[in-house]
Amino acid sequence: MAALDGSMPAGTRPDEDSPWALTFQGITKRFPGQLAVDDVSFSLAPGQVHALVGENGAGKSTLINILAGEHRQDSGSILLRGEDLVAGHPWERRGLGLAFIHQDPALVGSLTIAENVLLSEGFRNTRFSIIPWAKQYEVAREALVKVGLDVDPRTKLGVLSVAERQLVAVASVLVGPHRVVVFDEPTASLTETEANRLFSLIRTMRDQGVAVLYVSHRLEEIFALADMVTVMREGRRVTTRAVRELNRAKLAQLIIGKESGELVRSVTPSLGGRPVLEVRGLRDRLMRGIDLEVREGEVLGLAGLAGAGRSNVLLSLFGAADSTGIITFHGEQLRLKHPADAIARGIVLVTEERQHDGFVPEFSIWQTITLPWLRRFGRFGWLNIRREIASAKAAMKQFDVRAASPSTHIRELSGGNQQKAILARWLSHDVSLVLLDEPTHGVDIGAKDEIYEIVRGIAARGIPVIIVSDELEELEGLCARVLLLVRGQVVGEMIGKEITKPNMLKVLLAEHPSREEAKNAH
């Protein structure tokens, strides 16, 4: 059979009698002032992992939302096993054999873990319409064990971490039969160990004949997992290729339309000049006496597995967490009771979860950028809105925040542009210390390159940076020095050429407690 619009190379189907699991035919979707998806066609075969990649704003999310029933295409059709997938409520997709794992899964915090795992599949009833909860808890427990989550399924979901909630969402897929499963940035909040377990589950699905559509900005995941890859750019399909035909550099070039300097250490990171910050005995519920210092123009990395206390260090230095210890900044001891105290000293923080605590979704871009600095635009209790917007426009230009206008809602931007707007908020003013928690979380390869250059530019101005990242290659490419944290303590330090992913993993995994040890610790 001929490939659909050239999207599938010959030999990728299991056999000539099998229908495609899923086919997109000429999908087009317009929003006011934007052509989000433009005549996109490609197919997924049963028993195949098919990656969908592209920069933020390339149209990937829109295409998935159309498949999920959240949007309706303006033209084109979607075929599920050769049958037209008609418009309907998103919940109806599950009954057709479609399942979705989103980066921010739609779970209910007030329900138990078991109820969330089983909610989308429905609960088994007796003939008297009574739910046999003991059996249901056992079904949920089996699914949770498969994803490596050792928790009581009767626990309320709201007490779990972001990573644990993502694993609950994955477990929900394992309790029902599916023809097509869509994973949209599923590892964004997972540790490497958790991600590897997820990859193993996806390979099992593939071997059982499930078609998997996998969306990720992390190119190493594409090469570790996918059989095929479709590249989108500016709403159009660029190509569909077998992954074995590509290398990392070629795929990056297809995604952004030019050669990428991704993670290239174009300059040797500096160990910095005079000490700026010194921390001694920092403690809270996770940190167990952390000592560190950072110097002028230095990029210091904090590496560690989940629960190591990395984010707590940044929150404490920003005055946003209850902790004890001695913080000396420019030779003066600080007592930070509130983030306003930190901002007044030029200490700024880009948080890990921008959707939850990085911005106000209802605000415009200019309001987002100027929010912490309103006093600079006021006089006698009145805000000079014209000056405020002009300042935001200048910051947008400086940090290449792409939007129709400064009045566009921040929630309408791609992930990369949201992150650049947050960086513009802090870095378009005089600052003394920059704290970055997962600064490239959920952004595309092109935006990553831009953020890396921003970080290098900050350091070149003599401003120290402390960065937390799960992507160890990121620390390798940016940092002059990396501290390795395990169970709230610094267990090692690496400098210069010592900073490599294998070296860091060797220390972190050797120091990481077993599951049994972790239980006993509690």
Protein backbone atom coordinates (compact mmCIF):
# COMPACT_ATOMS: atom_id res chain seq x y z
CA MET A 1 0.00 0.00 0.00
CA ALA A 2 1.26 3.50 -0.80
CA ALA A 3 2.27 5.73 2.08
CA LEU A 4 -0.16 8.44 3.07
CA ASP A 5 1.09 11.74 1.50
CA GLY A 6 4.61 10.36 1.71
CA SER A 7 4.43 10.34 5.49
CA MET A 8 5.32 6.71 6.07
CA PRO A 9 8.34 5.06 4.45
CA ALA A 10 7.82 1.63 2.98
CA GLY A 11 8.21 -1.29 5.33
CA THR A 12 7.00 0.38 8.52
CA ARG A 13 3.65 -1.44 8.75
CA PRO A 14 3.49 -4.81 10.50
CA ASP A 15 1.83 -6.42 7.48
CA GLU A 16 -0.19 -5.40 4.45
CA ASP A 17 -3.50 -6.67 5.90
CA SER A 18 -3.36 -4.57 9.07
CA PRO A 19 -5.11 -1.20 9.02
CA TRP A 20 -3.40 1.89 10.31
CA ALA A 21 -4.09 2.35 14.02
CA LEU A 22 -4.50 6.11 13.55
CA THR A 23 -4.43 8.40 10.51
CA PHE A 24 -4.44 12.20 10.30
CA GLN A 25 -5.67 13.33 6.86
CA GLY A 26 -5.23 16.98 5.89
CA ILE A 27 -5.95 18.38 9.35
CA THR A 28 -6.26 22.17 9.40
CA LYS A 29 -7.18 24.35 12.39
CA ARG A 30 -7.40 28.14 12.57
CA PHE A 31 -7.69 30.37 15.62
CA PRO A 32 -8.30 34.14 15.42
CA GLY A 33 -5.20 35.59 13.77
CA GLN A 34 -3.38 32.25 13.66
CA LEU A 35 -3.20 29.19 11.42
CA ALA A 36 -2.26 26.67 14.12
CA VAL A 37 -2.29 23.46 12.03
CA ASP A 38 -1.99 23.54 8.26
CA ASP A 39 -2.92 20.45 6.18
CA VAL A 40 -1.14 17.88 8.36
CA SER A 41 -1.18 14.21 7.36
CA PHE A 42 0.61 11.17 8.79
CA SER A 43 -0.23 7.71 10.15
CA LEU A 44 0.59 5.49 13.11
CA ALA A 45 0.93 1.73 12.78
CA PRO A 46 -0.08 -0.77 15.48
CA GLY A 47 2.86 -1.92 17.58
CA GLN A 48 4.86 1.24 16.93
CA VAL A 49 6.15 4.21 18.96
CA HIS A 50 5.72 7.30 16.80
CA ALA A 51 7.32 10.50 18.10
CA LEU A 52 5.82 13.94 17.35
CA VAL A 53 8.36 16.75 17.73
CA GLY A 54 8.64 20.46 17.02
CA GLU A 55 9.24 23.79 18.67
CA ASN A 56 6.65 25.33 20.99
CA GLY A 57 3.99 26.77 18.71
CA ALA A 58 4.65 24.20 15.97
CA GLY A 59 1.08 22.86 16.27
CA LYS A 60 1.69 19.64 18.22
CA SER A 61 -0.59 20.47 21.15
CA THR A 62 -3.36 21.69 18.84
CA LEU A 63 -3.20 18.44 16.88
CA ILE A 64 -3.39 16.38 20.08
CA ASN A 65 -6.28 18.49 21.40
CA ILE A 66 -8.16 17.82 18.17
CA LEU A 67 -7.53 14.09 18.57
CA ALA A 68 -8.67 14.30 22.20
CA GLY A 69 -11.91 16.08 21.25
CA GLU A 70 -10.95 19.36 22.93
CA HIS A 71 -10.96 21.18 19.56
CA ARG A 72 -12.67 20.47 16.26
CA GLN A 73 -10.65 20.70 13.07
CA ASP A 74 -11.75 23.14 10.36
CA SER A 75 -10.99 20.60 7.63
CA GLY A 76 -9.53 17.14 7.25
CA SER A 77 -10.35 13.93 9.07
CA ILE A 78 -8.97 11.50 11.64
CA LEU A 79 -9.33 7.77 11.08
CA LEU A 80 -9.17 5.28 13.95
CA ARG A 81 -8.60 1.79 12.51
CA GLY A 82 -9.95 3.07 9.21
CA GLU A 83 -13.16 4.49 10.73
CA ASP A 84 -13.84 8.23 10.77
CA LEU A 85 -13.40 9.65 14.26
CA VAL A 86 -16.37 11.96 14.59
CA ALA A 87 -16.54 14.94 16.92
CA GLY A 88 -17.57 14.15 20.45
CA HIS A 89 -16.88 14.72 24.12
CA PRO A 90 -13.30 13.99 25.26
CA TRP A 91 -14.57 11.32 27.66
CA GLU A 92 -15.98 9.38 24.71
CA ARG A 93 -12.47 8.91 23.32
CA ARG A 94 -11.65 6.38 26.05
CA GLY A 95 -14.52 4.16 24.91
CA LEU A 96 -13.01 4.14 21.43
CA GLY A 97 -9.65 2.87 22.66
CA LEU A 98 -7.83 6.23 22.89
CA ALA A 99 -5.95 7.26 26.04
CA PHE A 100 -4.00 10.44 26.83
CA ILE A 101 -1.23 11.22 29.32
CA HIS A 102 -0.71 14.97 29.40
CA GLN A 103 2.17 16.95 30.90
CA ASP A 104 -0.34 18.38 33.40
CA PRO A 105 -2.70 15.41 33.89
CA ALA A 106 -6.36 16.10 34.63
CA LEU A 107 -6.62 14.48 38.05
CA VAL A 108 -8.85 15.24 41.04
CA GLY A 109 -6.92 16.13 44.18
CA SER A 110 -9.87 15.56 46.53
CA LEU A 111 -10.33 11.93 45.39
CA THR A 112 -8.19 8.97 46.41
CA ILE A 113 -5.35 7.67 44.26
CA ALA A 114 -7.42 4.57 43.41
CA GLU A 115 -10.42 6.68 42.36
CA ASN A 116 -8.18 8.70 40.04
CA VAL A 117 -6.61 5.57 38.55
CA LEU A 118 -9.99 3.98 37.85
CA LEU A 119 -12.07 7.08 37.13
CA SER A 120 -11.65 7.17 33.36
CA GLU A 121 -12.31 3.44 32.93
CA GLY A 122 -15.34 3.34 35.22
CA PHE A 123 -15.85 1.33 38.38
CA ARG A 124 -16.89 -2.31 38.43
CA ASN A 125 -20.27 -2.84 40.08
CA THR A 126 -22.05 -5.84 41.58
CA ARG A 127 -25.52 -6.68 40.38
CA PHE A 128 -26.83 -4.50 43.21
CA SER A 129 -24.84 -1.50 41.88
CA ILE A 130 -22.41 -1.68 44.78
CA ILE A 131 -18.75 -0.99 44.07
CA PRO A 132 -16.53 -3.81 45.45
CA TRP A 133 -13.89 -1.46 46.83
CA ALA A 134 -11.50 -4.16 48.02
CA LYS A 135 -11.17 -5.50 44.47
CA GLN A 136 -10.95 -2.01 43.01
CA TYR A 137 -8.13 -1.08 45.40
CA GLU A 138 -6.28 -4.22 44.36
CA VAL A 139 -6.61 -3.35 40.65
CA ALA A 140 -5.31 0.15 41.36
CA ARG A 141 -2.46 -1.17 43.53
CA GLU A 142 -1.28 -3.52 40.75
CA ALA A 143 -1.19 -0.62 38.27
CA LEU A 144 0.69 1.60 40.74
CA VAL A 145 3.31 -1.08 41.36
CA LYS A 146 3.93 -1.33 37.61
CA VAL A 147 4.81 2.37 37.46
CA GLY A 148 7.00 2.10 40.56
CA LEU A 149 4.72 4.00 42.92
CA ASP A 150 4.61 2.35 46.36
CA VAL A 151 1.67 4.15 47.99
CA ASP A 152 -1.62 3.20 49.59
CA PRO A 153 -4.28 3.60 46.85
CA ARG A 154 -6.70 4.85 49.50
CA THR A 155 -4.54 7.95 50.07
CA LYS A 156 -5.89 11.29 48.84
CA LEU A 157 -4.19 12.32 45.60
CA GLY A 158 -3.64 15.87 46.88
CA VAL A 159 -0.75 14.82 49.14
CA LEU A 160 1.37 13.52 46.23
CA SER A 161 4.17 15.41 44.50
CA VAL A 162 3.94 16.55 40.87
CA ALA A 163 6.06 13.57 39.74
CA GLU A 164 3.93 11.10 41.72
CA ARG A 165 0.74 12.50 40.19
CA GLN A 166 2.21 11.97 36.73
CA LEU A 167 2.85 8.33 37.61
CA VAL A 168 -0.76 7.99 38.81
CA ALA A 169 -1.89 9.25 35.39
CA VAL A 170 0.30 6.62 33.70
CA ALA A 171 -1.13 3.93 36.00
CA SER A 172 -4.65 4.90 34.88
CA VAL A 173 -3.74 3.87 31.32
CA LEU A 174 -2.65 0.42 32.47
CA VAL A 175 -6.05 -0.62 33.82
CA GLY A 176 -7.84 -0.67 30.46
CA PRO A 177 -7.28 -1.97 26.91
CA HIS A 178 -6.28 0.71 24.41
CA ARG A 179 -5.54 0.87 20.70
CA VAL A 180 -3.75 4.22 20.77
CA VAL A 181 -2.03 5.91 23.72
CA VAL A 182 -0.78 9.50 23.50
CA PHE A 183 2.02 10.66 25.83
CA ASP A 184 2.49 14.44 25.87
CA GLU A 185 5.77 15.39 27.62
CA PRO A 186 5.26 12.62 30.22
CA THR A 187 8.76 12.80 31.74
CA ALA A 188 8.87 16.56 32.39
CA SER A 189 8.55 16.03 36.16
CA LEU A 190 10.07 12.52 36.44
CA THR A 191 13.50 11.47 37.61
CA GLU A 192 15.70 9.46 35.25
CA THR A 193 14.86 6.24 37.11
CA GLU A 194 11.13 6.93 36.87
CA ALA A 195 11.46 7.85 33.19
CA ASN A 196 13.31 4.62 32.41
CA ARG A 197 10.53 2.63 34.07
CA LEU A 198 8.00 4.52 31.95
CA PHE A 199 9.97 3.72 28.79
CA SER A 200 9.88 0.03 29.71
CA LEU A 201 6.09 0.19 30.08
CA ILE A 202 5.75 1.96 26.72
CA ARG A 203 7.87 -0.72 25.03
CA THR A 204 5.59 -3.36 26.55
CA MET A 205 2.55 -1.54 25.13
CA ARG A 206 4.24 -1.45 21.74
CA ASP A 207 4.99 -5.18 21.89
CA GLN A 208 1.32 -5.81 22.68
CA GLY A 209 0.29 -4.04 19.46
CA VAL A 210 -0.63 -0.63 20.89
CA ALA A 211 0.17 2.41 18.73
CA VAL A 212 1.95 5.02 20.86
CA LEU A 213 2.13 8.70 19.90
CA TYR A 214 4.94 10.24 21.96
CA VAL A 215 5.52 14.00 22.24
CA SER A 216 8.75 15.24 23.81
CA HIS A 217 11.27 18.08 23.59
CA ARG A 218 13.99 15.76 24.88
CA LEU A 219 15.76 14.39 21.84
CA GLU A 220 17.54 11.65 23.77
CA GLU A 221 14.10 10.18 24.58
CA ILE A 222 13.18 10.06 20.90
CA PHE A 223 16.28 8.03 20.04
CA ALA A 224 15.85 5.75 23.07
CA LEU A 225 12.20 4.98 22.46
CA ALA A 226 10.70 5.83 19.06
CA ASP A 227 10.52 3.86 15.83
CA MET A 228 9.22 6.75 13.70
CA VAL A 229 9.27 10.52 14.10
CA THR A 230 7.13 13.26 12.57
CA VAL A 231 8.55 16.79 12.68
CA MET A 232 6.25 19.83 12.71
CA ARG A 233 7.23 23.45 12.19
CA GLU A 234 4.93 26.50 12.09
CA GLY A 235 1.82 24.33 11.90
CA ARG A 236 2.97 22.13 9.02
CA ARG A 237 4.44 18.65 8.82
CA VAL A 238 8.07 18.91 7.74
CA THR A 239 8.81 15.21 7.42
CA THR A 240 8.09 11.74 8.77
CA ARG A 241 11.13 9.48 9.02
CA ALA A 242 12.37 6.30 10.62
CA VAL A 243 14.38 7.31 13.69
CA ARG A 244 17.24 5.02 12.64
CA GLU A 245 17.78 7.26 9.59
CA LEU A 246 18.56 10.31 11.75
CA ASN A 247 21.07 11.50 14.32
CA ARG A 248 20.61 14.10 17.04
CA ALA A 249 22.11 16.98 15.03
CA LYS A 250 19.97 16.24 11.95
CA LEU A 251 16.75 15.97 13.97
CA ALA A 252 17.52 19.25 15.78
CA GLN A 253 18.10 20.91 12.41
CA LEU A 254 14.75 19.62 11.09
CA ILE A 255 12.95 20.92 14.19
CA ILE A 256 14.28 24.47 14.23
CA GLY A 257 15.13 24.85 10.54
CA LYS A 258 18.79 25.58 11.19
CA GLU A 259 21.77 24.03 12.90
CA SER A 260 21.49 24.10 16.67
CA GLY A 261 24.17 24.80 19.21
CA GLU A 262 22.27 22.70 21.74
CA LEU A 263 24.37 22.19 24.86
CA VAL A 264 27.58 23.12 23.05
CA ARG A 265 29.99 24.56 25.58
CA SER A 266 30.89 27.50 23.34
CA VAL A 267 32.80 29.16 26.20
CA THR A 268 34.41 27.59 29.23
CA PRO A 269 32.24 28.51 32.23
CA SER A 270 34.08 30.71 34.71
CA LEU A 271 34.66 29.80 38.35
CA GLY A 272 34.00 33.47 39.01
CA GLY A 273 35.63 36.25 40.97
CA ARG A 274 34.99 37.34 44.53
CA PRO A 275 32.54 35.40 46.74
CA VAL A 276 29.02 36.86 46.65
CA LEU A 277 26.93 34.36 48.61
CA GLU A 278 27.83 32.02 51.45
CA VAL A 279 25.36 29.60 53.02
CA ARG A 280 26.04 27.56 56.15
CA GLY A 281 23.88 24.89 57.78
CA LEU A 282 20.72 25.38 55.73
CA ARG A 283 17.99 23.10 57.12
CA ASP A 284 14.31 22.28 56.74
CA ARG A 285 12.26 19.09 56.39
CA LEU A 286 14.44 17.95 53.46
CA MET A 287 17.72 19.86 53.85
CA ARG A 288 20.06 18.48 56.49
CA GLY A 289 22.69 21.16 56.84
CA ILE A 290 23.66 22.36 53.36
CA ASP A 291 26.76 24.53 52.90
CA LEU A 292 27.56 26.34 49.64
CA GLU A 293 29.08 29.47 48.20
CA VAL A 294 28.87 31.15 44.82
CA ARG A 295 31.15 33.77 43.27
CA GLU A 296 30.78 36.69 40.86
CA GLY A 297 29.95 35.51 37.33
CA GLU A 298 29.78 31.83 38.33
CA VAL A 299 27.07 29.40 37.20
CA LEU A 300 26.69 26.88 40.04
CA GLY A 301 24.63 23.75 39.42
CA LEU A 302 22.69 21.70 41.98
CA ALA A 303 22.22 18.08 40.90
CA GLY A 304 20.23 15.42 42.72
CA LEU A 305 17.41 12.93 42.54
CA ALA A 306 13.85 13.64 43.68
CA GLY A 307 13.66 14.59 47.34
CA ALA A 308 17.29 15.74 47.53
CA GLY A 309 16.26 19.25 48.58
CA ARG A 310 17.54 21.17 45.53
CA SER A 311 14.43 23.33 45.06
CA ASN A 312 14.27 23.94 48.82
CA VAL A 313 17.70 25.58 48.63
CA LEU A 314 16.45 28.06 46.03
CA LEU A 315 13.18 28.74 47.85
CA SER A 316 15.09 29.43 51.07
CA LEU A 317 17.44 31.86 49.31
CA PHE A 318 14.36 33.63 47.91
CA GLY A 319 12.66 33.94 51.29
CA ALA A 320 9.84 31.64 50.21
CA ALA A 321 10.40 28.71 52.57
CA ASP A 322 10.69 28.06 56.28
CA SER A 323 14.30 27.13 56.96
CA THR A 324 17.17 27.79 59.32
CA GLY A 325 20.80 28.54 58.62
CA ILE A 326 23.16 31.45 58.02
CA ILE A 327 23.00 33.28 54.65
CA THR A 328 25.70 35.87 54.00
CA PHE A 329 25.26 38.05 50.91
CA HIS A 330 27.95 40.55 49.89
CA GLY A 331 29.41 40.25 53.37
CA GLU A 332 26.14 40.96 55.17
CA GLN A 333 24.04 38.38 56.99
CA LEU A 334 20.53 38.14 55.52
CA ARG A 335 17.24 37.39 57.25
CA LEU A 336 14.75 36.69 54.50
CA LYS A 337 11.21 36.51 55.85
CA HIS A 338 9.44 37.09 52.53
CA PRO A 339 10.29 37.07 48.79
CA ALA A 340 9.95 40.87 48.88
CA ASP A 341 13.02 40.94 51.13
CA ALA A 342 14.99 38.94 48.55
CA ILE A 343 13.80 41.05 45.60
CA ALA A 344 14.83 44.20 47.47
CA ARG A 345 18.37 42.78 47.60
CA GLY A 346 18.34 41.86 43.90
CA ILE A 347 17.77 38.12 44.45
CA VAL A 348 15.30 36.69 41.92
CA LEU A 349 13.84 33.21 41.33
CA VAL A 350 12.44 31.49 38.23
CA THR A 351 10.32 28.70 39.70
CA GLU A 352 10.02 25.13 38.43
CA GLU A 353 6.25 25.08 37.79
CA ARG A 354 5.54 28.27 35.85
CA GLN A 355 1.93 27.22 35.21
CA HIS A 356 1.24 27.05 38.94
CA ASP A 357 3.38 29.76 40.51
CA GLY A 358 5.25 31.53 37.71
CA PHE A 359 2.51 33.85 36.44
CA VAL A 360 -1.14 34.84 36.69
CA PRO A 361 -2.91 33.26 33.67
CA GLU A 362 -5.39 36.14 33.35
CA PHE A 363 -2.62 38.75 33.14
CA SER A 364 -1.26 40.20 29.90
CA ILE A 365 2.40 39.82 28.99
CA TRP A 366 3.18 43.40 30.03
CA GLN A 367 1.48 42.93 33.41
CA THR A 368 3.43 39.70 33.93
CA ILE A 369 6.76 41.39 33.22
CA THR A 370 6.19 44.49 35.34
CA LEU A 371 4.36 42.88 38.29
CA PRO A 372 7.25 42.83 40.84
CA TRP A 373 8.39 46.34 39.92
CA LEU A 374 5.16 48.37 40.12
CA ARG A 375 6.66 50.93 42.50
CA ARG A 376 9.02 51.99 39.72
CA PHE A 377 6.07 53.02 37.57
CA GLY A 378 4.04 54.79 40.23
CA ARG A 379 3.91 58.29 41.66
CA PHE A 380 1.63 59.62 44.38
CA GLY A 381 -0.29 56.32 44.31
CA TRP A 382 -0.91 56.39 40.53
CA LEU A 383 0.56 53.98 38.01
CA ASN A 384 1.96 55.32 34.74
CA ILE A 385 0.55 52.57 32.49
CA ARG A 386 2.18 54.03 29.38
CA ARG A 387 5.65 53.79 30.95
CA GLU A 388 4.84 50.32 32.26
CA ILE A 389 3.87 49.01 28.81
CA ALA A 390 6.85 50.69 27.18
CA SER A 391 9.19 49.01 29.68
CA ALA A 392 7.58 45.62 29.05
CA LYS A 393 7.84 46.06 25.26
CA ALA A 394 11.55 46.81 25.58
CA ALA A 395 12.01 43.68 27.73
CA MET A 396 10.05 41.57 25.22
CA LYS A 397 12.32 42.78 22.45
CA GLN A 398 15.48 42.17 24.51
CA PHE A 399 14.48 38.59 25.35
CA ASP A 400 12.74 37.83 22.03
CA VAL A 401 9.31 37.12 23.53
CA ARG A 402 7.18 36.46 20.46
CA ALA A 403 3.56 37.55 20.66
CA ALA A 404 1.01 39.58 18.69
CA SER A 405 1.18 42.39 21.27
CA PRO A 406 2.14 43.08 24.91
CA SER A 407 -1.58 42.84 25.73
CA THR A 408 -1.75 39.16 24.76
CA HIS A 409 -2.60 36.93 27.73
CA ILE A 410 0.49 35.13 29.06
CA ARG A 411 -1.47 31.84 29.04
CA GLU A 412 -1.82 32.06 25.25
CA LEU A 413 1.94 31.90 24.63
CA SER A 414 3.95 28.76 23.91
CA GLY A 415 5.94 27.31 26.80
CA GLY A 416 9.20 28.75 25.51
CA ASN A 417 7.79 32.25 25.17
CA GLN A 418 6.17 32.04 28.61
CA GLN A 419 9.55 31.15 30.09
CA LYS A 420 11.32 33.96 28.24
CA ALA A 421 8.66 36.40 29.50
CA ILE A 422 9.37 35.28 33.08
CA LEU A 423 13.11 35.68 32.50
CA ALA A 424 12.41 39.14 31.03
CA ARG A 425 10.44 40.03 34.16
CA TRP A 426 13.48 39.51 36.38
CA LEU A 427 16.48 40.13 34.16
CA SER A 428 15.44 43.39 32.50
CA HIS A 429 16.22 45.07 35.85
CA ASP A 430 19.37 45.24 37.98
CA VAL A 431 19.75 41.97 39.88
CA SER A 432 22.50 40.56 42.11
CA LEU A 433 21.76 36.80 42.21
CA VAL A 434 19.69 34.68 39.81
CA LEU A 435 18.09 31.41 40.97
CA LEU A 436 16.83 29.12 38.20
CA ASP A 437 14.74 26.02 38.96
CA GLU A 438 14.39 23.84 35.84
CA PRO A 439 14.64 26.88 33.51
CA THR A 440 14.04 24.84 30.32
CA HIS A 441 11.22 22.70 31.73
CA GLY A 442 8.78 21.94 28.90
CA VAL A 443 10.35 24.20 26.27
CA ASP A 444 11.52 23.27 22.80
CA ILE A 445 15.07 22.91 21.55
CA GLY A 446 15.15 26.36 19.94
CA ALA A 447 13.96 28.09 23.12
CA LYS A 448 16.48 26.04 25.11
CA ASP A 449 19.32 27.45 23.03
CA GLU A 450 18.05 30.97 23.65
CA ILE A 451 17.73 30.39 27.41
CA TYR A 452 21.25 28.94 27.57
CA GLU A 453 22.60 32.08 25.91
CA ILE A 454 20.64 34.22 28.39
CA VAL A 455 22.23 32.31 31.30
CA ARG A 456 25.71 32.74 29.82
CA GLY A 457 24.99 36.44 29.30
CA ILE A 458 23.98 36.89 32.95
CA ALA A 459 27.23 35.29 34.13
CA ALA A 460 29.27 37.37 31.67
CA ARG A 461 27.92 40.50 33.45
CA GLY A 462 29.39 39.20 36.71
CA ILE A 463 26.04 38.12 38.17
CA PRO A 464 26.13 34.71 39.89
CA VAL A 465 23.58 32.06 38.89
CA ILE A 466 22.46 28.96 40.80
CA ILE A 467 20.65 26.46 38.59
CA VAL A 468 18.69 23.30 39.41
CA SER A 469 18.04 20.90 36.54
CA ASP A 470 17.03 17.26 36.07
CA GLU A 471 18.76 17.38 32.68
CA LEU A 472 22.32 16.61 33.67
CA GLU A 473 23.58 17.51 30.18
CA GLU A 474 22.27 21.00 30.90
CA LEU A 475 24.45 21.29 33.99
CA GLU A 476 27.39 19.85 32.05
CA GLY A 477 27.04 22.49 29.35
CA LEU A 478 26.43 25.54 31.55
CA CYS A 479 28.14 25.13 34.91
CA ALA A 480 31.66 25.81 36.12
CA ARG A 481 30.91 23.89 39.30
CA VAL A 482 28.21 21.41 40.38
CA LEU A 483 27.21 20.34 43.89
CA LEU A 484 25.72 16.85 44.21
CA LEU A 485 22.85 16.59 46.71
CA VAL A 486 21.50 13.37 48.20
CA ARG A 487 18.88 13.22 50.99
CA GLY A 488 19.35 16.88 51.87
CA GLN A 489 23.13 16.85 52.04
CA VAL A 490 25.97 17.81 49.72
CA VAL A 491 27.81 14.54 48.97
CA GLY A 492 30.19 15.78 46.30
CA GLU A 493 31.47 18.64 44.17
CA MET A 494 32.62 18.61 40.53
CA ILE A 495 34.57 21.31 38.73
CA GLY A 496 35.20 21.95 35.04
CA LYS A 497 35.87 18.82 32.98
CA GLU A 498 34.82 16.59 35.90
CA ILE A 499 31.23 17.67 35.22
CA THR A 500 29.82 14.93 33.00
CA LYS A 501 26.51 13.10 33.11
CA PRO A 502 28.15 9.68 33.80
CA ASN A 503 30.25 11.13 36.63
CA MET A 504 27.24 12.79 38.24
CA LEU A 505 25.04 9.70 37.91
CA LYS A 506 27.74 7.50 39.39
CA VAL A 507 27.73 9.55 42.58
CA LEU A 508 23.99 10.18 42.78
CA LEU A 509 22.93 6.59 42.19
CA ALA A 510 25.59 5.19 44.50
CA GLU A 511 24.39 7.50 47.27
CA HIS A 512 20.65 7.10 46.60
CA PRO A 513 18.81 4.99 49.20
CA SER A 514 17.00 1.82 48.26
CA ARG A 515 13.22 1.79 48.52
CA GLU A 516 13.48 -0.22 51.76
CA GLU A 517 15.95 2.27 53.25
CA ALA A 518 13.67 5.13 52.27
CA LYS A 519 10.74 3.42 54.03
CA ASN A 520 12.78 2.91 57.18
CA ALA A 521 13.85 6.56 57.11
CA HIS A 522 10.23 7.56 57.44
